[in-house]
Amino acid sequence: TLKPPSELDAATAAYEVAKSRVQRARDQVRTWLAELEVRRQELEVSKKRRLDAEIRAPWPGRVSVRHAAGGQYLAVGSPVLTLLRTDPLRLRLEVPERLAAEVRPGQRVDFTVDGLDGACAGMVTRLGSAIDRSNRTLVVEAEVGNADGRLRAGGFCRASIVVADRDPVLAVPETALASFAGVDRVFTVAGGRAQEQLVTPGRRLGDLVEIRAGLAPG
């Protein structure tokens, strides 16, 4: 069926209008997608800033010193707080030179702390590389578990390193050992008379002193 040219022109015009609307709709969608991408980038930046504003401890511990207050502006690298690692703790000991040769990594360390009930234990982990010339001692470090948090960093203790857990040793009361000018001696009784015996003392435990040489059992 033949139609008049006016209808064809009207249909063509309607098609072009529809085509233009589709193009505008596509352009609008592209604009919205671009704005969405911008908003996503802004969201990621906001998340990054929020994470940068949070301070997370790298290990469980206790705050020793606060260097900044809430709301304070800080320069990059400025300290915020001092965090102490409380588990495990490091026990630092000074062993006399004459006993330093017996200390080895892995040996047990028994110690007590004033104001704390019961004994604690640790393990030798590191020995100093040289004897301290000022006091003739060797620095020994031990690792001490503190999962319950009852030990406080910086405290003092009385400690002994177990170098021979089950070996019997000869010991005398501390009051029986006389020391002068670097010479140690005890007095024994033979035939009703006191005799001087030069000895080499060792470890001390309470009121007893180990005798390494110079005295026989009995």
C-alpha atoms as a PDB file:
ATOM      1  CA  THR A   1       0.000   0.000   0.000  1.00  0.00           C
ATOM      2  CA  LEU A   2       1.443   3.308  -0.983  1.00  0.00           C
ATOM      3  CA  LYS A   3       1.527   5.991   1.712  1.00  0.00           C
ATOM      4  CA  PRO A   4       1.826   9.706   1.245  1.00  0.00           C
ATOM      5  CA  PRO A   5       5.299  11.231   1.662  1.00  0.00           C
ATOM      6  CA  SER A   6       4.123  13.203   4.676  1.00  0.00           C
ATOM      7  CA  GLU A   7       3.696  10.024   6.742  1.00  0.00           C
ATOM      8  CA  LEU A   8       7.180   8.836   5.786  1.00  0.00           C
ATOM      9  CA  ASP A   9       8.616  12.166   6.823  1.00  0.00           C
ATOM     10  CA  ALA A  10       6.759  12.043  10.139  1.00  0.00           C
ATOM     11  CA  ALA A  11       7.985   8.491  10.823  1.00  0.00           C
ATOM     12  CA  THR A  12      11.551   9.495   9.920  1.00  0.00           C
ATOM     13  CA  ALA A  13      11.363  12.493  12.225  1.00  0.00           C
ATOM     14  CA  ALA A  14       9.983  10.328  15.057  1.00  0.00           C
ATOM     15  CA  TYR A  15      12.817   7.831  14.538  1.00  0.00           C
ATOM     16  CA  GLU A  16      15.440  10.556  14.719  1.00  0.00           C
ATOM     17  CA  VAL A  17      13.848  11.929  17.886  1.00  0.00           C
ATOM     18  CA  ALA A  18      13.853   8.461  19.473  1.00  0.00           C
ATOM     19  CA  LYS A  19      17.439   7.893  18.354  1.00  0.00           C
ATOM     20  CA  SER A  20      18.477  11.203  19.913  1.00  0.00           C
ATOM     21  CA  ARG A  21      16.755  10.295  23.180  1.00  0.00           C
ATOM     22  CA  VAL A  22      18.536   6.952  23.295  1.00  0.00           C
ATOM     23  CA  GLN A  23      21.872   8.703  22.755  1.00  0.00           C
ATOM     24  CA  ARG A  24      21.117  11.210  25.492  1.00  0.00           C
ATOM     25  CA  ALA A  25      20.142   8.347  27.803  1.00  0.00           C
ATOM     26  CA  ARG A  26      23.409   6.580  27.005  1.00  0.00           C
ATOM     27  CA  ASP A  27      25.375   9.746  27.674  1.00  0.00           C
ATOM     28  CA  GLN A  28      23.546  10.194  30.957  1.00  0.00           C
ATOM     29  CA  VAL A  29      24.363   6.609  31.977  1.00  0.00           C
ATOM     30  CA  ARG A  30      28.045   7.193  31.142  1.00  0.00           C
ATOM     31  CA  THR A  31      27.966  10.354  33.270  1.00  0.00           C
ATOM     32  CA  TRP A  32      26.416   8.475  36.174  1.00  0.00           C
ATOM     33  CA  LEU A  33      28.989   5.675  35.851  1.00  0.00           C
ATOM     34  CA  ALA A  34      31.820   8.220  35.875  1.00  0.00           C
ATOM     35  CA  GLU A  35      30.362   9.912  38.964  1.00  0.00           C
ATOM     36  CA  LEU A  36      29.986   6.492  40.607  1.00  0.00           C
ATOM     37  CA  GLU A  37      33.667   5.748  39.976  1.00  0.00           C
ATOM     38  CA  VAL A  38      34.614   9.098  41.501  1.00  0.00           C
ATOM     39  CA  ARG A  39      32.501   8.331  44.572  1.00  0.00           C
ATOM     40  CA  ARG A  40      34.128   4.895  44.854  1.00  0.00           C
ATOM     41  CA  GLN A  41      37.581   6.459  44.788  1.00  0.00           C
ATOM     42  CA  GLU A  42      36.530   9.001  47.402  1.00  0.00           C
ATOM     43  CA  LEU A  43      35.211   6.138  49.545  1.00  0.00           C
ATOM     44  CA  GLU A  44      38.524   4.259  49.296  1.00  0.00           C
ATOM     45  CA  VAL A  45      40.424   7.419  50.232  1.00  0.00           C
ATOM     46  CA  SER A  46      38.130   7.911  53.243  1.00  0.00           C
ATOM     47  CA  LYS A  47      38.675   4.303  54.328  1.00  0.00           C
ATOM     48  CA  LYS A  48      42.430   4.756  54.013  1.00  0.00           C
ATOM     49  CA  ARG A  49      42.339   7.946  56.099  1.00  0.00           C
ATOM     50  CA  ARG A  50      40.240   6.232  58.746  1.00  0.00           C
ATOM     51  CA  LEU A  51      42.689   3.328  58.936  1.00  0.00           C
ATOM     52  CA  ASP A  52      45.612   5.763  59.107  1.00  0.00           C
ATOM     53  CA  ALA A  53      43.919   7.461  62.058  1.00  0.00           C
ATOM     54  CA  GLU A  54      43.741   4.185  64.016  1.00  0.00           C
ATOM     55  CA  ILE A  55      46.681   3.010  66.111  1.00  0.00           C
ATOM     56  CA  ARG A  56      46.863  -0.739  66.598  1.00  0.00           C
ATOM     57  CA  ALA A  57      49.352  -2.366  68.941  1.00  0.00           C
ATOM     58  CA  PRO A  58      51.623  -4.835  67.102  1.00  0.00           C
ATOM     59  CA  TRP A  59      51.632  -7.094  70.182  1.00  0.00           C
ATOM     60  CA  PRO A  60      49.740  -7.417  73.489  1.00  0.00           C
ATOM     61  CA  GLY A  61      51.282  -5.160  76.100  1.00  0.00           C
ATOM     62  CA  ARG A  62      50.821  -2.206  78.404  1.00  0.00           C
ATOM     63  CA  VAL A  63      51.082   1.518  77.791  1.00  0.00           C
ATOM     64  CA  SER A  64      54.046   2.877  79.731  1.00  0.00           C
ATOM     65  CA  VAL A  65      54.034   6.544  78.640  1.00  0.00           C
ATOM     66  CA  ARG A  66      51.556   8.653  76.651  1.00  0.00           C
ATOM     67  CA  HIS A  67      53.293  11.237  74.485  1.00  0.00           C
ATOM     68  CA  ALA A  68      50.163  12.771  72.923  1.00  0.00           C
ATOM     69  CA  ALA A  69      46.576  13.601  73.867  1.00  0.00           C
ATOM     70  CA  GLY A  70      43.335  13.155  71.962  1.00  0.00           C
ATOM     71  CA  GLY A  71      42.744  15.812  69.297  1.00  0.00           C
ATOM     72  CA  GLN A  72      46.393  16.812  69.162  1.00  0.00           C
ATOM     73  CA  TYR A  73      48.006  17.275  65.729  1.00  0.00           C
ATOM     74  CA  LEU A  74      51.266  15.373  65.304  1.00  0.00           C
ATOM     75  CA  ALA A  75      54.014  15.549  62.731  1.00  0.00           C
ATOM     76  CA  VAL A  76      54.910  12.437  60.770  1.00  0.00           C
ATOM     77  CA  GLY A  77      57.108  10.177  62.897  1.00  0.00           C
ATOM     78  CA  SER A  78      56.166  11.783  66.213  1.00  0.00           C
ATOM     79  CA  PRO A  79      55.794   9.272  69.074  1.00  0.00           C
ATOM     80  CA  VAL A  80      52.283   8.714  70.386  1.00  0.00           C
ATOM     81  CA  LEU A  81      52.942   6.316  73.242  1.00  0.00           C
ATOM     82  CA  THR A  82      55.474   3.877  74.622  1.00  0.00           C
ATOM     83  CA  LEU A  83      54.219   0.286  74.598  1.00  0.00           C
ATOM     84  CA  LEU A  84      55.827  -2.395  76.762  1.00  0.00           C
ATOM     85  CA  ARG A  85      55.844  -6.020  75.681  1.00  0.00           C
ATOM     86  CA  THR A  86      54.897  -7.909  78.843  1.00  0.00           C
ATOM     87  CA  ASP A  87      54.913 -11.492  77.587  1.00  0.00           C
ATOM     88  CA  PRO A  88      57.541 -12.745  77.534  1.00  0.00           C
ATOM     89  CA  LEU A  89      59.740 -10.568  79.750  1.00  0.00           C
ATOM     90  CA  ARG A  90      63.533 -10.448  79.635  1.00  0.00           C
ATOM     91  CA  LEU A  91      65.418 -11.059  82.876  1.00  0.00           C
ATOM     92  CA  ARG A  92      68.896  -9.500  83.013  1.00  0.00           C
ATOM     93  CA  LEU A  93      71.380 -11.085  85.410  1.00  0.00           C
ATOM     94  CA  GLU A  94      75.017 -10.439  86.352  1.00  0.00           C
ATOM     95  CA  VAL A  95      77.004 -13.599  87.018  1.00  0.00           C
ATOM     96  CA  PRO A  96      80.401 -13.441  88.810  1.00  0.00           C
ATOM     97  CA  GLU A  97      83.381 -14.127  86.577  1.00  0.00           C
ATOM     98  CA  ARG A  98      84.413 -17.284  88.461  1.00  0.00           C
ATOM     99  CA  LEU A  99      80.998 -18.856  87.763  1.00  0.00           C
ATOM    100  CA  ALA A 100      80.413 -17.542  84.244  1.00  0.00           C
ATOM    101  CA  ALA A 101      81.971 -20.589  82.548  1.00  0.00           C
ATOM    102  CA  GLU A 102      79.180 -22.830  83.891  1.00  0.00           C
ATOM    103  CA  VAL A 103      76.305 -20.847  82.422  1.00  0.00           C
ATOM    104  CA  ARG A 104      74.798 -22.103  79.155  1.00  0.00           C
ATOM    105  CA  PRO A 105      71.749 -21.179  77.067  1.00  0.00           C
ATOM    106  CA  GLY A 106      68.779 -23.369  77.918  1.00  0.00           C
ATOM    107  CA  GLN A 107      69.490 -23.590  81.666  1.00  0.00           C
ATOM    108  CA  ARG A 108      66.637 -22.912  84.069  1.00  0.00           C
ATOM    109  CA  VAL A 109      66.546 -19.724  86.103  1.00  0.00           C
ATOM    110  CA  ASP A 110      64.634 -19.703  89.400  1.00  0.00           C
ATOM    111  CA  PHE A 111      63.831 -16.333  90.947  1.00  0.00           C
ATOM    112  CA  THR A 112      61.612 -14.571  93.442  1.00  0.00           C
ATOM    113  CA  VAL A 113      60.214 -11.049  93.393  1.00  0.00           C
ATOM    114  CA  ASP A 114      59.510  -8.947  96.480  1.00  0.00           C
ATOM    115  CA  GLY A 115      55.804  -8.597  97.090  1.00  0.00           C
ATOM    116  CA  LEU A 116      54.936 -11.577  94.890  1.00  0.00           C
ATOM    117  CA  ASP A 117      54.021 -14.934  96.397  1.00  0.00           C
ATOM    118  CA  GLY A 118      55.714 -18.013  95.033  1.00  0.00           C
ATOM    119  CA  ALA A 119      58.763 -18.592  92.863  1.00  0.00           C
ATOM    120  CA  CYS A 120      59.039 -17.928  89.158  1.00  0.00           C
ATOM    121  CA  ALA A 121      61.133 -19.576  86.472  1.00  0.00           C
ATOM    122  CA  GLY A 122      62.687 -18.681  83.157  1.00  0.00           C
ATOM    123  CA  MET A 123      65.296 -19.970  80.725  1.00  0.00           C
ATOM    124  CA  VAL A 124      68.726 -18.592  79.781  1.00  0.00           C
ATOM    125  CA  THR A 125      68.607 -17.343  76.182  1.00  0.00           C
ATOM    126  CA  ARG A 126      71.711 -15.185  75.720  1.00  0.00           C
ATOM    127  CA  LEU A 127      75.153 -14.696  77.231  1.00  0.00           C
ATOM    128  CA  GLY A 128      77.196 -11.516  77.109  1.00  0.00           C
ATOM    129  CA  SER A 129      80.209 -11.474  74.816  1.00  0.00           C
ATOM    130  CA  ALA A 130      82.697 -10.189  77.427  1.00  0.00           C
ATOM    131  CA  ILE A 131      83.292  -9.824  81.167  1.00  0.00           C
ATOM    132  CA  ASP A 132      82.483  -6.354  82.506  1.00  0.00           C
ATOM    133  CA  ARG A 133      85.786  -4.858  83.657  1.00  0.00           C
ATOM    134  CA  SER A 134      84.175  -2.622  86.281  1.00  0.00           C
ATOM    135  CA  ASN A 135      82.588  -5.395  88.379  1.00  0.00           C
ATOM    136  CA  ARG A 136      84.012  -8.599  86.818  1.00  0.00           C
ATOM    137  CA  THR A 137      80.626 -10.046  85.934  1.00  0.00           C
ATOM    138  CA  LEU A 138      79.045 -11.539  82.822  1.00  0.00           C
ATOM    139  CA  VAL A 139      75.645 -10.289  81.673  1.00  0.00           C
ATOM    140  CA  VAL A 140      73.172 -13.133  81.174  1.00  0.00           C
ATOM    141  CA  GLU A 141      69.667 -12.752  79.762  1.00  0.00           C
ATOM    142  CA  ALA A 142      66.767 -15.117  80.380  1.00  0.00           C
ATOM    143  CA  GLU A 143      63.279 -15.283  78.935  1.00  0.00           C
ATOM    144  CA  VAL A 144      60.383 -15.373  81.390  1.00  0.00           C
ATOM    145  CA  GLY A 145      56.805 -16.186  80.483  1.00  0.00           C
ATOM    146  CA  ASN A 146      54.227 -13.711  81.794  1.00  0.00           C
ATOM    147  CA  ALA A 147      50.942 -14.704  80.216  1.00  0.00           C
ATOM    148  CA  ASP A 148      49.021 -13.922  83.420  1.00  0.00           C
ATOM    149  CA  GLY A 149      50.616 -10.453  83.670  1.00  0.00           C
ATOM    150  CA  ARG A 150      51.572 -10.772  87.335  1.00  0.00           C
ATOM    151  CA  LEU A 151      55.196  -9.702  86.723  1.00  0.00           C
ATOM    152  CA  ARG A 152      55.927  -6.005  86.207  1.00  0.00           C
ATOM    153  CA  ALA A 153      58.645  -4.757  83.892  1.00  0.00           C
ATOM    154  CA  GLY A 154      61.494  -2.944  85.638  1.00  0.00           C
ATOM    155  CA  GLY A 155      61.249  -4.855  88.895  1.00  0.00           C
ATOM    156  CA  PHE A 156      64.145  -6.404  90.812  1.00  0.00           C
ATOM    157  CA  CYS A 157      64.419 -10.061  91.764  1.00  0.00           C
ATOM    158  CA  ARG A 158      66.652 -12.615  93.461  1.00  0.00           C
ATOM    159  CA  ALA A 159      67.661 -15.275  90.981  1.00  0.00           C
ATOM    160  CA  SER A 160      69.754 -18.418  90.685  1.00  0.00           C
ATOM    161  CA  ILE A 161      70.762 -20.276  87.527  1.00  0.00           C
ATOM    162  CA  VAL A 162      70.461 -24.044  87.750  1.00  0.00           C
ATOM    163  CA  VAL A 163      73.675 -25.326  86.155  1.00  0.00           C
ATOM    164  CA  ALA A 164      73.514 -28.884  87.605  1.00  0.00           C
ATOM    165  CA  ASP A 165      70.038 -29.741  88.733  1.00  0.00           C
ATOM    166  CA  ARG A 166      70.707 -33.158  90.333  1.00  0.00           C
ATOM    167  CA  ASP A 167      74.461 -33.321  90.963  1.00  0.00           C
ATOM    168  CA  PRO A 168      75.270 -33.451  94.724  1.00  0.00           C
ATOM    169  CA  VAL A 169      77.808 -30.900  95.907  1.00  0.00           C
ATOM    170  CA  LEU A 170      79.834 -30.237  99.030  1.00  0.00           C
ATOM    171  CA  ALA A 171      78.630 -27.189 100.967  1.00  0.00           C
ATOM    172  CA  VAL A 172      79.442 -25.449 104.244  1.00  0.00           C
ATOM    173  CA  PRO A 173      77.601 -22.776 106.226  1.00  0.00           C
ATOM    174  CA  GLU A 174      78.378 -19.291 104.994  1.00  0.00           C
ATOM    175  CA  THR A 175      79.644 -18.351 108.447  1.00  0.00           C
ATOM    176  CA  ALA A 176      82.334 -21.064 108.202  1.00  0.00           C
ATOM    177  CA  LEU A 177      83.934 -19.441 105.139  1.00  0.00           C
ATOM    178  CA  ALA A 178      86.569 -16.778 105.799  1.00  0.00           C
ATOM    179  CA  SER A 179      87.667 -14.545 102.915  1.00  0.00           C
ATOM    180  CA  PHE A 180      90.545 -12.062 102.889  1.00  0.00           C
ATOM    181  CA  ALA A 181      92.552 -10.488 100.052  1.00  0.00           C
ATOM    182  CA  GLY A 182      90.880 -12.766  97.526  1.00  0.00           C
ATOM    183  CA  VAL A 183      91.770 -15.942  99.457  1.00  0.00           C
ATOM    184  CA  ASP A 184      88.997 -18.169 100.799  1.00  0.00           C
ATOM    185  CA  ARG A 185      89.555 -20.598 103.666  1.00  0.00           C
ATOM    186  CA  VAL A 186      87.758 -22.742 106.215  1.00  0.00           C
ATOM    187  CA  PHE A 187      89.009 -24.330 109.421  1.00  0.00           C
ATOM    188  CA  THR A 188      88.782 -28.028 110.099  1.00  0.00           C
ATOM    189  CA  VAL A 189      89.464 -29.913 113.352  1.00  0.00           C
ATOM    190  CA  ALA A 190      92.083 -32.677 113.368  1.00  0.00           C
ATOM    191  CA  GLY A 191      93.507 -34.174 116.543  1.00  0.00           C
ATOM    192  CA  GLY A 192      91.764 -31.565 118.631  1.00  0.00           C
ATOM    193  CA  ARG A 193      93.419 -28.698 116.769  1.00  0.00           C
ATOM    194  CA  ALA A 194      92.042 -26.280 114.163  1.00  0.00           C
ATOM    195  CA  GLN A 195      93.702 -26.425 110.764  1.00  0.00           C
ATOM    196  CA  GLU A 196      93.379 -23.911 107.928  1.00  0.00           C
ATOM    197  CA  GLN A 197      92.165 -25.252 104.566  1.00  0.00           C
ATOM    198  CA  LEU A 198      92.300 -23.097 101.418  1.00  0.00           C
ATOM    199  CA  VAL A 199      89.155 -23.694  99.372  1.00  0.00           C
ATOM    200  CA  THR A 200      87.496 -22.637  96.155  1.00  0.00           C
ATOM    201  CA  PRO A 201      83.895 -21.524  96.791  1.00  0.00           C
ATOM    202  CA  GLY A 202      81.118 -21.795  94.263  1.00  0.00           C
ATOM    203  CA  ARG A 203      77.426 -21.128  94.261  1.00  0.00           C
ATOM    204  CA  ARG A 204      75.553 -19.722  97.232  1.00  0.00           C
ATOM    205  CA  LEU A 205      72.103 -20.865  98.240  1.00  0.00           C
ATOM    206  CA  GLY A 206      70.616 -19.325 101.324  1.00  0.00           C
ATOM    207  CA  ASP A 207      73.069 -19.826 104.230  1.00  0.00           C
ATOM    208  CA  LEU A 208      75.143 -22.451 102.370  1.00  0.00           C
ATOM    209  CA  VAL A 209      78.185 -22.015 100.126  1.00  0.00           C
ATOM    210  CA  GLU A 210      79.324 -24.667  97.654  1.00  0.00           C
ATOM    211  CA  ILE A 211      82.966 -25.771  98.004  1.00  0.00           C
ATOM    212  CA  ARG A 212      84.452 -26.769  94.655  1.00  0.00           C
ATOM    213  CA  ALA A 213      87.971 -27.669  95.802  1.00  0.00           C
ATOM    214  CA  GLY A 214      90.162 -27.860  98.915  1.00  0.00           C
ATOM    215  CA  LEU A 215      87.839 -29.774 101.219  1.00  0.00           C
ATOM    216  CA  ALA A 216      86.798 -33.423 101.417  1.00  0.00           C
ATOM    217  CA  PRO A 217      83.314 -34.625 102.396  1.00  0.00           C
ATOM    218  CA  GLY A 218      82.920 -35.378 106.094  1.00  0.00           C
END
